[in-house]
PDB file of all heavy atoms in Angstrom:
ATOM      1  N   GLY A   1     100.960 103.736  87.603  1.00  0.00           N
ATOM      2  CA  GLY A   1     102.108 104.321  88.295  1.00  0.00           C
ATOM      3  C   GLY A   1     101.662 105.355  89.306  1.00  0.00           C
ATOM      4  O   GLY A   1     100.653 105.200  89.981  1.00  0.00           O
ATOM      5  N   HIS A   2     102.449 106.446  89.425  1.00  0.00           N
ATOM      6  CA  HIS A   2     102.144 107.540  90.342  1.00  0.00           C
ATOM      7  C   HIS A   2     101.998 107.037  91.786  1.00  0.00           C
ATOM      8  O   HIS A   2     101.042 107.404  92.482  1.00  0.00           O
ATOM      9  CB  HIS A   2     100.884 108.293  89.910  1.00  0.00           C
ATOM     10  CG  HIS A   2     101.057 109.080  88.652  1.00  0.00           C
ATOM     11  ND1 HIS A   2     101.571 110.364  88.642  1.00  0.00           N
ATOM     12  CD2 HIS A   2     100.820 108.743  87.356  1.00  0.00           C
ATOM     13  CE1 HIS A   2     101.618 110.801  87.392  1.00  0.00           C
ATOM     14  NE2 HIS A   2     101.188 109.831  86.593  1.00  0.00           N
ATOM     15  N   ALA A   3     102.929 106.184  92.225  1.00  0.00           N
ATOM     16  CA  ALA A   3     102.959 105.826  93.643  1.00  0.00           C
ATOM     17  C   ALA A   3     102.885 107.108  94.452  1.00  0.00           C
ATOM     18  O   ALA A   3     103.574 108.090  94.166  1.00  0.00           O
ATOM     19  CB  ALA A   3     104.249 105.068  93.950  1.00  0.00           C
ATOM     20  N   LEU A   4     102.022 107.125  95.460  1.00  0.00           N
ATOM     21  CA  LEU A   4     101.643 108.399  96.066  1.00  0.00           C
ATOM     22  C   LEU A   4     101.503 108.271  97.568  1.00  0.00           C
ATOM     23  O   LEU A   4     101.110 107.223  98.090  1.00  0.00           O
ATOM     24  CB  LEU A   4     100.312 108.859  95.447  1.00  0.00           C
ATOM     25  CG  LEU A   4      99.790 110.252  95.779  1.00  0.00           C
ATOM     26  CD1 LEU A   4      99.188 110.898  94.547  1.00  0.00           C
ATOM     27  CD2 LEU A   4      98.730 110.183  96.880  1.00  0.00           C
ATOM     28  N   ALA A   5     101.808 109.349  98.267  1.00  0.00           N
ATOM     29  CA  ALA A   5     101.544 109.453  99.697  1.00  0.00           C
ATOM     30  C   ALA A   5     100.773 110.740  99.943  1.00  0.00           C
ATOM     31  O   ALA A   5     101.071 111.782  99.347  1.00  0.00           O
ATOM     32  CB  ALA A   5     102.841 109.457 100.500  1.00  0.00           C
ATOM     33  N   ALA A   6      99.768 110.664 100.807  1.00  0.00           N
ATOM     34  CA  ALA A   6      98.955 111.828 101.154  1.00  0.00           C
ATOM     35  C   ALA A   6      98.940 111.995 102.658  1.00  0.00           C
ATOM     36  O   ALA A   6      98.985 111.017 103.415  1.00  0.00           O
ATOM     37  CB  ALA A   6      97.527 111.667 100.632  1.00  0.00           C
ATOM     38  N   GLY A   7      98.862 113.249 103.104  1.00  0.00           N
ATOM     39  CA  GLY A   7      98.812 113.550 104.526  1.00  0.00           C
ATOM     40  C   GLY A   7      97.393 113.586 105.044  1.00  0.00           C
ATOM     41  O   GLY A   7      96.425 113.565 104.275  1.00  0.00           O
ATOM     42  N   PRO A   8      97.228 113.673 106.357  1.00  0.00           N
ATOM     43  CA  PRO A   8      95.895 113.627 106.961  1.00  0.00           C
ATOM     44  C   PRO A   8      95.028 114.843 106.669  1.00  0.00           C
ATOM     45  O   PRO A   8      93.831 114.831 106.964  1.00  0.00           O
ATOM     46  CB  PRO A   8      96.184 113.500 108.463  1.00  0.00           C
ATOM     47  CG  PRO A   8      97.583 113.969 108.638  1.00  0.00           C
ATOM     48  CD  PRO A   8      98.287 113.652 107.367  1.00  0.00           C
ATOM     49  N   TRP A   9      95.571 115.869 106.065  1.00  0.00           N
ATOM     50  CA  TRP A   9      94.795 117.024 105.605  1.00  0.00           C
ATOM     51  C   TRP A   9      94.477 116.911 104.122  1.00  0.00           C
ATOM     52  O   TRP A   9      93.867 117.797 103.536  1.00  0.00           O
ATOM     53  CB  TRP A   9      95.545 118.316 105.914  1.00  0.00           C
ATOM     54  CG  TRP A   9      94.709 119.546 105.960  1.00  0.00           C
ATOM     55  CD1 TRP A   9      94.826 120.645 105.160  1.00  0.00           C
ATOM     56  CD2 TRP A   9      93.638 119.854 106.874  1.00  0.00           C
ATOM     57  NE1 TRP A   9      93.905 121.602 105.501  1.00  0.00           N
ATOM     58  CE2 TRP A   9      93.155 121.137 106.556  1.00  0.00           C
ATOM     59  CE3 TRP A   9      93.029 119.157 107.927  1.00  0.00           C
ATOM     60  CZ2 TRP A   9      92.108 121.747 107.254  1.00  0.00           C
ATOM     61  CZ3 TRP A   9      91.997 119.759 108.617  1.00  0.00           C
ATOM     62  CH2 TRP A   9      91.542 121.029 108.276  1.00  0.00           C
ATOM     63  N   GLY A  10      94.925 115.811 103.496  1.00  0.00           N
ATOM     64  CA  GLY A  10      94.650 115.565 102.086  1.00  0.00           C
ATOM     65  C   GLY A  10      95.723 116.042 101.139  1.00  0.00           C
ATOM     66  O   GLY A  10      95.601 115.880  99.925  1.00  0.00           O
ATOM     67  N   GLU A  11      96.810 116.594 101.667  1.00  0.00           N
ATOM     68  CA  GLU A  11      97.867 117.109 100.806  1.00  0.00           C
ATOM     69  C   GLU A  11      98.712 115.974 100.247  1.00  0.00           C
ATOM     70  O   GLU A  11      98.927 114.960 100.912  1.00  0.00           O
ATOM     71  CB  GLU A  11      98.754 118.100 101.573  1.00  0.00           C
ATOM     72  CG  GLU A  11      99.642 117.497 102.652  1.00  0.00           C
ATOM     73  CD  GLU A  11      98.950 117.243 103.991  1.00  0.00           C
ATOM     74  OE1 GLU A  11      97.709 117.093 104.008  1.00  0.00           O
ATOM     75  OE2 GLU A  11      99.668 117.158 105.000  1.00  0.00           O
ATOM     76  N   VAL A  12      99.188 116.119  98.998  1.00  0.00           N
ATOM     77  CA  VAL A  12     100.063 115.124  98.388  1.00  0.00           C
ATOM     78  C   VAL A  12     101.480 115.353  98.895  1.00  0.00           C
ATOM     79  O   VAL A  12     102.047 116.432  98.727  1.00  0.00           O
ATOM     80  CB  VAL A  12     100.011 115.199  96.849  1.00  0.00           C
ATOM     81  CG1 VAL A  12     101.052 114.263  96.229  1.00  0.00           C
ATOM     82  CG2 VAL A  12      98.618 114.843  96.342  1.00  0.00           C
ATOM     83  N   LEU A  13     102.047 114.334  99.498  1.00  0.00           N
ATOM     84  CA  LEU A  13     103.396 114.420 100.050  1.00  0.00           C
ATOM     85  C   LEU A  13     104.446 113.909  99.083  1.00  0.00           C
ATOM     86  O   LEU A  13     105.605 114.319  99.147  1.00  0.00           O
ATOM     87  CB  LEU A  13     103.479 113.613 101.349  1.00  0.00           C
ATOM     88  CG  LEU A  13     102.479 113.989 102.441  1.00  0.00           C
ATOM     89  CD1 LEU A  13     102.615 113.028 103.617  1.00  0.00           C
ATOM     90  CD2 LEU A  13     102.694 115.425 102.893  1.00  0.00           C
ATOM     91  N   ALA A  14     104.055 112.990  98.199  1.00  0.00           N
ATOM     92  CA  ALA A  14     104.987 112.427  97.220  1.00  0.00           C
ATOM     93  C   ALA A  14     104.190 111.816  96.086  1.00  0.00           C
ATOM     94  O   ALA A  14     103.097 111.284  96.289  1.00  0.00           O
ATOM     95  CB  ALA A  14     105.880 111.370  97.859  1.00  0.00           C
ATOM     96  N   ASP A  15     104.747 111.902  94.872  1.00  0.00           N
ATOM     97  CA  ASP A  15     104.154 111.291  93.682  1.00  0.00           C
ATOM     98  C   ASP A  15     105.316 110.874  92.791  1.00  0.00           C
ATOM     99  O   ASP A  15     106.070 111.736  92.310  1.00  0.00           O
ATOM    100  CB  ASP A  15     103.242 112.295  92.973  1.00  0.00           C
ATOM    101  CG  ASP A  15     102.530 111.722  91.755  1.00  0.00           C
ATOM    102  OD1 ASP A  15     103.003 110.718  91.197  1.00  0.00           O
ATOM    103  OD2 ASP A  15     101.515 112.304  91.332  1.00  0.00           O
ATOM    104  N   LEU A  16     105.476 109.572  92.576  1.00  0.00           N
ATOM    105  CA  LEU A  16     106.624 109.074  91.812  1.00  0.00           C
ATOM    106  C   LEU A  16     106.405 109.101  90.302  1.00  0.00           C
ATOM    107  O   LEU A  16     107.254 108.626  89.549  1.00  0.00           O
ATOM    108  CB  LEU A  16     106.979 107.660  92.271  1.00  0.00           C
ATOM    109  CG  LEU A  16     107.358 107.522  93.754  1.00  0.00           C
ATOM    110  CD1 LEU A  16     107.836 106.106  94.059  1.00  0.00           C
ATOM    111  CD2 LEU A  16     108.409 108.548  94.161  1.00  0.00           C
ATOM    112  N   GLY A  17     105.278 109.645  89.857  1.00  0.00           N
ATOM    113  CA  GLY A  17     105.057 109.850  88.430  1.00  0.00           C
ATOM    114  C   GLY A  17     105.014 108.546  87.658  1.00  0.00           C
ATOM    115  O   GLY A  17     104.420 107.566  88.080  1.00  0.00           O
ATOM    116  N   THR A  18     105.658 108.541  86.506  1.00  0.00           N
ATOM    117  CA  THR A  18     105.657 107.358  85.641  1.00  0.00           C
ATOM    118  C   THR A  18     107.052 106.740  85.525  1.00  0.00           C
ATOM    119  O   THR A  18     107.348 106.030  84.566  1.00  0.00           O
ATOM    120  CB  THR A  18     105.118 107.700  84.249  1.00  0.00           C
ATOM    121  OG1 THR A  18     105.916 108.751  83.674  1.00  0.00           O
ATOM    122  CG2 THR A  18     103.670 108.161  84.319  1.00  0.00           C
ATOM    123  N   ALA A  19     107.907 106.991  86.508  1.00  0.00           N
ATOM    124  CA  ALA A  19     109.248 106.403  86.498  1.00  0.00           C
ATOM    125  C   ALA A  19     109.155 104.888  86.468  1.00  0.00           C
ATOM    126  O   ALA A  19     108.363 104.300  87.205  1.00  0.00           O
ATOM    127  CB  ALA A  19     110.029 106.854  87.720  1.00  0.00           C
ATOM    128  N   PRO A  20     109.946 104.216  85.624  1.00  0.00           N
ATOM    129  CA  PRO A  20     109.873 102.753  85.526  1.00  0.00           C
ATOM    130  C   PRO A  20     110.404 102.033  86.758  1.00  0.00           C
ATOM    131  O   PRO A  20     110.106 100.852  86.965  1.00  0.00           O
ATOM    132  CB  PRO A  20     110.715 102.435  84.294  1.00  0.00           C
ATOM    133  CG  PRO A  20     111.637 103.598  84.155  1.00  0.00           C
ATOM    134  CD  PRO A  20     110.887 104.789  84.634  1.00  0.00           C
ATOM    135  N   ALA A  21     111.164 102.717  87.572  1.00  0.00           N
ATOM    136  CA  ALA A  21     111.647 102.162  88.840  1.00  0.00           C
ATOM    137  C   ALA A  21     112.041 103.333  89.728  1.00  0.00           C
ATOM    138  O   ALA A  21     112.896 104.142  89.344  1.00  0.00           O
ATOM    139  CB  ALA A  21     112.839 101.238  88.632  1.00  0.00           C
ATOM    140  N   ALA A  22     111.388 103.457  90.887  1.00  0.00           N
ATOM    141  CA  ALA A  22     111.665 104.598  91.749  1.00  0.00           C
ATOM    142  C   ALA A  22     111.291 104.253  93.179  1.00  0.00           C
ATOM    143  O   ALA A  22     110.436 103.408  93.440  1.00  0.00           O
ATOM    144  CB  ALA A  22     110.878 105.827  91.288  1.00  0.00           C
ATOM    145  N   SER A  23     111.947 104.943  94.106  1.00  0.00           N
ATOM    146  CA  SER A  23     111.617 104.798  95.521  1.00  0.00           C
ATOM    147  C   SER A  23     111.863 106.133  96.211  1.00  0.00           C
ATOM    148  O   SER A  23     112.627 106.977  95.719  1.00  0.00           O
ATOM    149  CB  SER A  23     112.458 103.711  96.183  1.00  0.00           C
ATOM    150  OG  SER A  23     113.829 104.085  96.211  1.00  0.00           O
ATOM    151  N   ARG A  24     111.210 106.288  97.348  1.00  0.00           N
ATOM    152  CA  ARG A  24     111.415 107.496  98.150  1.00  0.00           C
ATOM    153  C   ARG A  24     111.071 107.161  99.589  1.00  0.00           C
ATOM    154  O   ARG A  24     110.046 106.530  99.861  1.00  0.00           O
ATOM    155  CB  ARG A  24     110.556 108.655  97.652  1.00  0.00           C
ATOM    156  CG  ARG A  24     110.744 109.942  98.448  1.00  0.00           C
ATOM    157  CD  ARG A  24     110.012 111.099  97.830  1.00  0.00           C
ATOM    158  NE  ARG A  24     110.006 112.256  98.696  1.00  0.00           N
ATOM    159  CZ  ARG A  24     109.350 113.389  98.451  1.00  0.00           C
ATOM    160  NH1 ARG A  24     108.656 113.497  97.328  1.00  0.00           N
ATOM    161  NH2 ARG A  24     109.379 114.384  99.307  1.00  0.00           N
ATOM    162  N   VAL A  25     111.923 107.576 100.516  1.00  0.00           N
ATOM    163  CA  VAL A  25     111.662 107.369 101.936  1.00  0.00           C
ATOM    164  C   VAL A  25     111.052 108.640 102.510  1.00  0.00           C
ATOM    165  O   VAL A  25     111.598 109.736 102.340  1.00  0.00           O
ATOM    166  CB  VAL A  25     112.954 106.997 102.691  1.00  0.00           C
ATOM    167  CG1 VAL A  25     112.684 106.904 104.193  1.00  0.00           C
ATOM    168  CG2 VAL A  25     113.505 105.666 102.180  1.00  0.00           C
ATOM    169  N   LEU A  26     109.908 108.484 103.171  1.00  0.00           N
ATOM    170  CA  LEU A  26     109.178 109.603 103.749  1.00  0.00           C
ATOM    171  C   LEU A  26     109.165 109.480 105.266  1.00  0.00           C
ATOM    172  O   LEU A  26     109.030 108.380 105.802  1.00  0.00           O
ATOM    173  CB  LEU A  26     107.734 109.610 103.253  1.00  0.00           C
ATOM    174  CG  LEU A  26     107.530 109.627 101.740  1.00  0.00           C
ATOM    175  CD1 LEU A  26     106.093 109.316 101.407  1.00  0.00           C
ATOM    176  CD2 LEU A  26     107.932 110.969 101.175  1.00  0.00           C
ATOM    177  N   GLU A  27     109.274 110.599 105.943  1.00  0.00           N
ATOM    178  CA  GLU A  27     109.128 110.625 107.395  1.00  0.00           C
ATOM    179  C   GLU A  27     107.749 111.178 107.720  1.00  0.00           C
ATOM    180  O   GLU A  27     107.453 112.340 107.430  1.00  0.00           O
ATOM    181  CB  GLU A  27     110.214 111.476 108.047  1.00  0.00           C
ATOM    182  CG  GLU A  27     110.149 111.451 109.569  1.00  0.00           C
ATOM    183  CD  GLU A  27     111.315 112.175 110.211  1.00  0.00           C
ATOM    184  OE1 GLU A  27     111.304 113.417 110.209  1.00  0.00           O
ATOM    185  OE2 GLU A  27     112.245 111.497 110.720  1.00  0.00           O
ATOM    186  N   LEU A  28     106.909 110.335 108.302  1.00  0.00           N
ATOM    187  CA  LEU A  28     105.542 110.728 108.623  1.00  0.00           C
ATOM    188  C   LEU A  28     105.464 111.161 110.084  1.00  0.00           C
ATOM    189  O   LEU A  28     105.838 110.400 110.986  1.00  0.00           O
ATOM    190  CB  LEU A  28     104.592 109.560 108.376  1.00  0.00           C
ATOM    191  CG  LEU A  28     104.660 108.895 106.993  1.00  0.00           C
ATOM    192  CD1 LEU A  28     103.595 107.814 106.890  1.00  0.00           C
ATOM    193  CD2 LEU A  28     104.515 109.921 105.875  1.00  0.00           C
ATOM    194  N   ASP A  29     104.981 112.362 110.318  1.00  0.00           N
ATOM    195  CA  ASP A  29     104.812 112.905 111.662  1.00  0.00           C
ATOM    196  C   ASP A  29     103.461 112.427 112.197  1.00  0.00           C
ATOM    197  O   ASP A  29     102.412 112.977 111.843  1.00  0.00           O
ATOM    198  CB  ASP A  29     104.872 114.432 111.610  1.00  0.00           C
ATOM    199  CG  ASP A  29     104.575 115.089 112.951  1.00  0.00           C
ATOM    200  OD1 ASP A  29     104.466 114.372 113.964  1.00  0.00           O
ATOM    201  OD2 ASP A  29     104.438 116.326 112.977  1.00  0.00           O
ATOM    202  N   LEU A  30     103.475 111.420 113.043  1.00  0.00           N
ATOM    203  CA  LEU A  30     102.229 110.845 113.527  1.00  0.00           C
ATOM    204  C   LEU A  30     101.469 111.802 114.437  1.00  0.00           C
ATOM    205  O   LEU A  30     100.253 111.669 114.604  1.00  0.00           O
ATOM    206  CB  LEU A  30     102.509 109.525 114.246  1.00  0.00           C
ATOM    207  CG  LEU A  30     103.180 108.450 113.374  1.00  0.00           C
ATOM    208  CD1 LEU A  30     103.476 107.216 114.204  1.00  0.00           C
ATOM    209  CD2 LEU A  30     102.323 108.102 112.168  1.00  0.00           C
ATOM    210  N   GLY A  31     102.170 112.769 114.993  1.00  0.00           N
ATOM    211  CA  GLY A  31     101.486 113.794 115.771  1.00  0.00           C
ATOM    212  C   GLY A  31     100.502 114.589 114.936  1.00  0.00           C
ATOM    213  O   GLY A  31      99.510 115.106 115.460  1.00  0.00           O
ATOM    214  N   GLU A  32     100.759 114.682 113.643  1.00  0.00           N
ATOM    215  CA  GLU A  32      99.856 115.397 112.746  1.00  0.00           C
ATOM    216  C   GLU A  32      98.492 114.716 112.693  1.00  0.00           C
ATOM    217  O   GLU A  32      97.458 115.384 112.581  1.00  0.00           O
ATOM    218  CB  GLU A  32     100.470 115.472 111.350  1.00  0.00           C
ATOM    219  CG  GLU A  32      99.680 116.284 110.343  1.00  0.00           C
ATOM    220  CD  GLU A  32      99.651 117.767 110.656  1.00  0.00           C
ATOM    221  OE1 GLU A  32     100.387 118.221 111.551  1.00  0.00           O
ATOM    222  OE2 GLU A  32      98.882 118.487 109.990  1.00  0.00           O
ATOM    223  N   VAL A  33      98.487 113.391 112.778  1.00  0.00           N
ATOM    224  CA  VAL A  33      97.212 112.659 112.798  1.00  0.00           C
ATOM    225  C   VAL A  33      96.404 113.067 114.020  1.00  0.00           C
ATOM    226  O   VAL A  33      95.213 113.394 113.920  1.00  0.00           O
ATOM    227  CB  VAL A  33      97.462 111.137 112.787  1.00  0.00           C
ATOM    228  CG1 VAL A  33      96.158 110.375 112.963  1.00  0.00           C
ATOM    229  CG2 VAL A  33      98.153 110.725 111.493  1.00  0.00           C
ATOM    230  N   ALA A  34      97.038 113.064 115.187  1.00  0.00           N
ATOM    231  CA  ALA A  34      96.340 113.439 116.420  1.00  0.00           C
ATOM    232  C   ALA A  34      95.834 114.868 116.357  1.00  0.00           C
ATOM    233  O   ALA A  34      94.700 115.161 116.776  1.00  0.00           O
ATOM    234  CB  ALA A  34      97.271 113.247 117.615  1.00  0.00           C
ATOM    235  N   ARG A  35      96.648 115.771 115.808  1.00  0.00           N
ATOM    236  CA  ARG A  35      96.229 117.174 115.732  1.00  0.00           C
ATOM    237  C   ARG A  35      95.033 117.348 114.815  1.00  0.00           C
ATOM    238  O   ARG A  35      94.092 118.093 115.130  1.00  0.00           O
ATOM    239  CB  ARG A  35      97.407 118.039 115.278  1.00  0.00           C
ATOM    240  CG  ARG A  35      98.505 118.179 116.319  1.00  0.00           C
ATOM    241  CD  ARG A  35      99.544 119.194 115.922  1.00  0.00           C
ATOM    242  NE  ARG A  35     100.392 118.754 114.815  1.00  0.00           N
ATOM    243  CZ  ARG A  35     101.494 118.028 114.961  1.00  0.00           C
ATOM    244  NH1 ARG A  35     101.879 117.630 116.175  1.00  0.00           N
ATOM    245  NH2 ARG A  35     102.228 117.691 113.926  1.00  0.00           N
ATOM    246  N   ARG A  36      95.052 116.682 113.664  1.00  0.00           N
ATOM    247  CA  ARG A  36      93.935 116.811 112.727  1.00  0.00           C
ATOM    248  C   ARG A  36      92.669 116.175 113.290  1.00  0.00           C
ATOM    249  O   ARG A  36      91.560 116.692 113.097  1.00  0.00           O
ATOM    250  CB  ARG A  36      94.302 116.175 111.384  1.00  0.00           C
ATOM    251  CG  ARG A  36      95.412 116.900 110.619  1.00  0.00           C
ATOM    252  CD  ARG A  36      95.087 118.352 110.396  1.00  0.00           C
ATOM    253  NE  ARG A  36      96.134 119.036 109.628  1.00  0.00           N
ATOM    254  CZ  ARG A  36      96.166 120.352 109.411  1.00  0.00           C
ATOM    255  NH1 ARG A  36      95.212 121.115 109.918  1.00  0.00           N
ATOM    256  NH2 ARG A  36      97.137 120.896 108.702  1.00  0.00           N
TER     257      ARG A  36
END
């Protein structure tokens, strides 16, 4: 489990844990990639 999203600096943006069914919509700032 623990569906996860991480940012370009290595920070955890989302972690769905051990939920048997879960979803989350994330808005990724692509400018952050260019800046990093």
